[in-house]
């Protein structure tokens, strides 16, 4: 196989890149992750947020861990898996941030999510591609390099639970 092939038969070029999204700064996070507070948008459209959360939940889980991630804002258990659509990789709990905390993801991802549930793709091929000798690279720089949302209605302070806050979540 010279590249990945989607379930619909379209081939994907070798040397593919999957971008991580939705990984936040916090007490147990590696450095360089964005501050979740900068993505909270109090003016986010509720219908759009529900569609994005549904899209996130529709992605297949392809990595499971033994620990549970905690929400950086409220402290609830927030999943122990990673999900993907073959183009992006996100933590299982990202839908919680979108629905419960009004986190607004980048427009590029929202546009993708508004097309409906994650389309079928070759998940086994994607996982094989992630092996050291595979053809899929994971790009974390894209996510780390995003500017603050800067949207009207965005939270300008820090919410309880984020690394910069002086109060605990919950």
Protein backbone atom coordinates (compact mmCIF):
# COMPACT_ATOMS: atom_id res chain seq x y z
CA UNK A 1 0.00 0.00 0.00
CA UNK A 2 1.49 3.34 -1.01
CA UNK A 3 -0.79 5.42 1.22
CA UNK A 4 -4.01 5.22 3.13
CA UNK A 5 -7.28 4.47 1.42
CA UNK A 6 -10.58 5.79 2.72
CA UNK A 7 -13.61 3.54 2.93
CA UNK A 8 -15.08 5.46 -0.03
CA UNK A 9 -12.14 4.33 -2.18
CA UNK A 10 -10.37 7.69 -2.45
CA UNK A 11 -6.67 7.30 -1.90
CA UNK A 12 -4.78 9.48 0.53
CA UNK A 13 -1.25 10.54 -0.28
CA UNK A 14 1.61 8.90 1.57
CA UNK A 15 3.27 11.04 4.16
CA UNK A 16 -0.03 12.11 5.64
CA UNK A 17 -0.29 14.42 8.65
CA UNK A 18 -2.89 14.13 11.42
CA UNK A 19 -3.28 17.24 13.56
CA UNK A 20 -3.95 17.10 17.28
CA UNK A 21 -6.65 19.39 18.65
CA UNK A 22 -8.18 19.97 22.08
CA UNK A 23 -5.22 19.26 24.34
CA UNK A 24 -5.00 21.86 27.12
CA UNK A 25 -2.44 23.30 29.45
CA UNK A 26 -2.84 22.11 33.02
CA UNK A 27 -1.02 20.77 36.05
CA UNK A 28 -0.29 17.41 34.37
CA UNK A 29 0.08 18.61 30.78
CA UNK A 30 3.28 18.89 28.81
CA UNK A 31 4.35 22.49 28.25
CA UNK A 32 3.22 24.49 25.26
CA UNK A 33 -0.43 23.47 25.27
CA UNK A 34 -2.99 26.27 24.87
CA UNK A 35 -4.91 27.68 27.83
CA UNK A 36 -8.49 26.40 27.60
CA UNK A 37 -9.77 29.72 28.95
CA UNK A 38 -8.67 31.42 25.73
CA UNK A 39 -11.11 29.23 23.78
CA UNK A 40 -14.18 29.84 25.94
CA UNK A 41 -16.64 31.88 23.89
CA UNK A 42 -19.71 32.98 25.83
CA UNK A 43 -21.32 34.08 22.57
CA UNK A 44 -20.87 30.75 20.77
CA UNK A 45 -23.93 29.53 18.86
CA UNK A 46 -25.64 26.73 20.84
CA UNK A 47 -26.79 24.82 17.76
CA UNK A 48 -23.33 24.93 16.23
CA UNK A 49 -21.75 23.84 19.53
CA UNK A 50 -24.10 20.81 19.69
CA UNK A 51 -23.19 19.82 16.12
CA UNK A 52 -19.47 20.08 16.89
CA UNK A 53 -19.89 18.00 20.08
CA UNK A 54 -21.84 15.36 18.13
CA UNK A 55 -19.06 15.23 15.53
CA UNK A 56 -16.44 14.81 18.24
CA UNK A 57 -18.40 11.95 19.82
CA UNK A 58 -18.80 10.22 16.44
CA UNK A 59 -15.05 9.74 15.93
CA UNK A 60 -13.79 6.23 16.60
CA UNK A 61 -11.62 5.66 19.65
CA UNK A 62 -8.23 4.37 18.64
CA UNK A 63 -6.09 4.84 21.77
CA UNK A 64 -7.24 3.83 25.26
CA UNK A 65 -5.33 4.60 28.43
CA UNK A 66 -5.44 3.32 32.00
CA UNK A 67 -5.95 6.77 33.55
CA UNK A 68 -8.77 9.27 33.35
CA UNK A 69 -8.28 12.83 32.18
CA UNK A 70 -9.86 15.48 34.39
CA UNK A 71 -11.62 18.52 32.98
CA UNK A 72 -9.37 21.54 33.44
CA UNK A 73 -12.39 23.68 34.30
CA UNK A 74 -14.76 21.65 36.48
CA UNK A 75 -12.64 18.67 37.54
CA UNK A 76 -15.03 15.95 36.32
CA UNK A 77 -13.68 12.70 34.89
CA UNK A 78 -13.39 13.36 31.20
CA UNK A 79 -12.45 10.18 29.39
CA UNK A 80 -9.46 7.97 28.84
CA UNK A 81 -9.30 7.65 25.07
CA UNK A 82 -8.26 9.48 21.93
CA UNK A 83 -10.54 9.76 18.91
CA UNK A 84 -9.94 10.62 15.29
CA UNK A 85 -11.53 11.32 11.94
CA UNK A 86 -8.32 10.43 10.11
CA UNK A 87 -7.35 14.11 9.79
CA UNK A 88 -7.53 15.30 13.40
CA UNK A 89 -6.84 13.54 16.72
CA UNK A 90 -8.57 14.70 19.91
CA UNK A 91 -9.07 13.60 23.51
CA UNK A 92 -12.34 11.82 24.26
CA UNK A 93 -13.48 14.59 26.61
CA UNK A 94 -13.26 17.43 24.10
CA UNK A 95 -17.03 17.28 23.47
CA UNK A 96 -17.55 18.04 27.18
CA UNK A 97 -15.59 21.29 26.86
CA UNK A 98 -17.58 22.29 23.78
CA UNK A 99 -20.99 21.53 25.31
CA UNK A 100 -20.55 22.33 28.99
CA UNK A 101 -17.97 25.12 28.98
CA UNK A 102 -18.66 26.87 25.64
CA UNK A 103 -15.21 26.13 24.25
CA UNK A 104 -15.15 27.15 20.60
CA UNK A 105 -12.75 25.29 18.37
CA UNK A 106 -11.02 26.83 15.32
CA UNK A 107 -13.26 27.64 12.34
CA UNK A 108 -11.49 25.08 10.15
CA UNK A 109 -12.56 22.30 12.51
CA UNK A 110 -16.09 23.68 12.97
CA UNK A 111 -16.61 23.72 9.19
CA UNK A 112 -15.55 20.08 9.05
CA UNK A 113 -17.83 19.13 11.96
CA UNK A 114 -20.85 20.85 10.47
CA UNK A 115 -20.83 18.42 7.53
CA UNK A 116 -22.15 15.68 9.83
CA UNK A 117 -20.74 12.68 11.68
CA UNK A 118 -17.22 11.44 11.04
CA UNK A 119 -17.17 9.74 7.63
CA UNK A 120 -16.04 6.13 7.36
CA UNK A 121 -12.34 5.76 6.77
CA UNK A 122 -9.73 3.02 7.07
CA UNK A 123 -9.11 3.18 10.83
CA UNK A 124 -6.87 0.10 10.79
CA UNK A 125 -4.77 1.67 8.03
CA UNK A 126 -4.61 4.91 9.99
CA UNK A 127 -3.39 3.05 13.08
CA UNK A 128 -0.81 1.14 11.02
CA UNK A 129 0.31 4.45 9.57
CA UNK A 130 1.05 5.75 13.08
CA UNK A 131 3.68 3.08 13.66
CA UNK A 132 7.31 4.23 13.46
CA UNK A 133 7.62 2.82 9.94
CA UNK A 134 4.20 4.15 8.92
CA UNK A 135 3.16 7.00 6.67
CA UNK A 136 1.19 9.14 9.18
CA UNK A 137 2.86 11.90 11.18
CA UNK A 138 1.15 13.61 14.10
CA UNK A 139 1.38 17.41 14.09
CA UNK A 140 1.13 19.02 17.51
CA UNK A 141 2.72 22.30 16.40
CA UNK A 142 -0.45 23.41 14.59
CA UNK A 143 -2.50 23.25 17.80
CA UNK A 144 0.19 24.78 19.99
CA UNK A 145 0.66 27.63 17.53
CA UNK A 146 -2.96 28.77 17.29
CA UNK A 147 -3.59 32.35 18.40
CA UNK A 148 -6.04 33.09 21.17
CA UNK A 149 -9.61 33.12 19.95
CA UNK A 150 -9.94 36.88 20.40
CA UNK A 151 -13.67 36.59 19.76
CA UNK A 152 -16.15 38.99 21.34
CA UNK A 153 -17.55 37.29 24.41
CA UNK A 154 -14.39 35.30 25.03
CA UNK A 155 -13.39 34.91 28.65
CA UNK A 156 -10.54 37.27 29.39
CA UNK A 157 -9.71 35.99 32.87
CA UNK A 158 -8.87 32.52 34.03
CA UNK A 159 -11.54 30.08 35.09
CA UNK A 160 -11.16 27.84 38.15
CA UNK A 161 -9.03 24.82 37.27
CA UNK A 162 -6.81 26.22 34.55
CA UNK A 163 -3.12 26.41 35.37
CA UNK A 164 -3.15 30.20 35.66
CA UNK A 165 -6.11 30.26 38.05
CA UNK A 166 -5.66 30.45 41.79
CA UNK A 167 -8.86 28.48 42.49
CA UNK A 168 -9.55 24.79 42.07
CA UNK A 169 -12.15 23.40 39.66
CA UNK A 170 -15.66 22.62 40.85
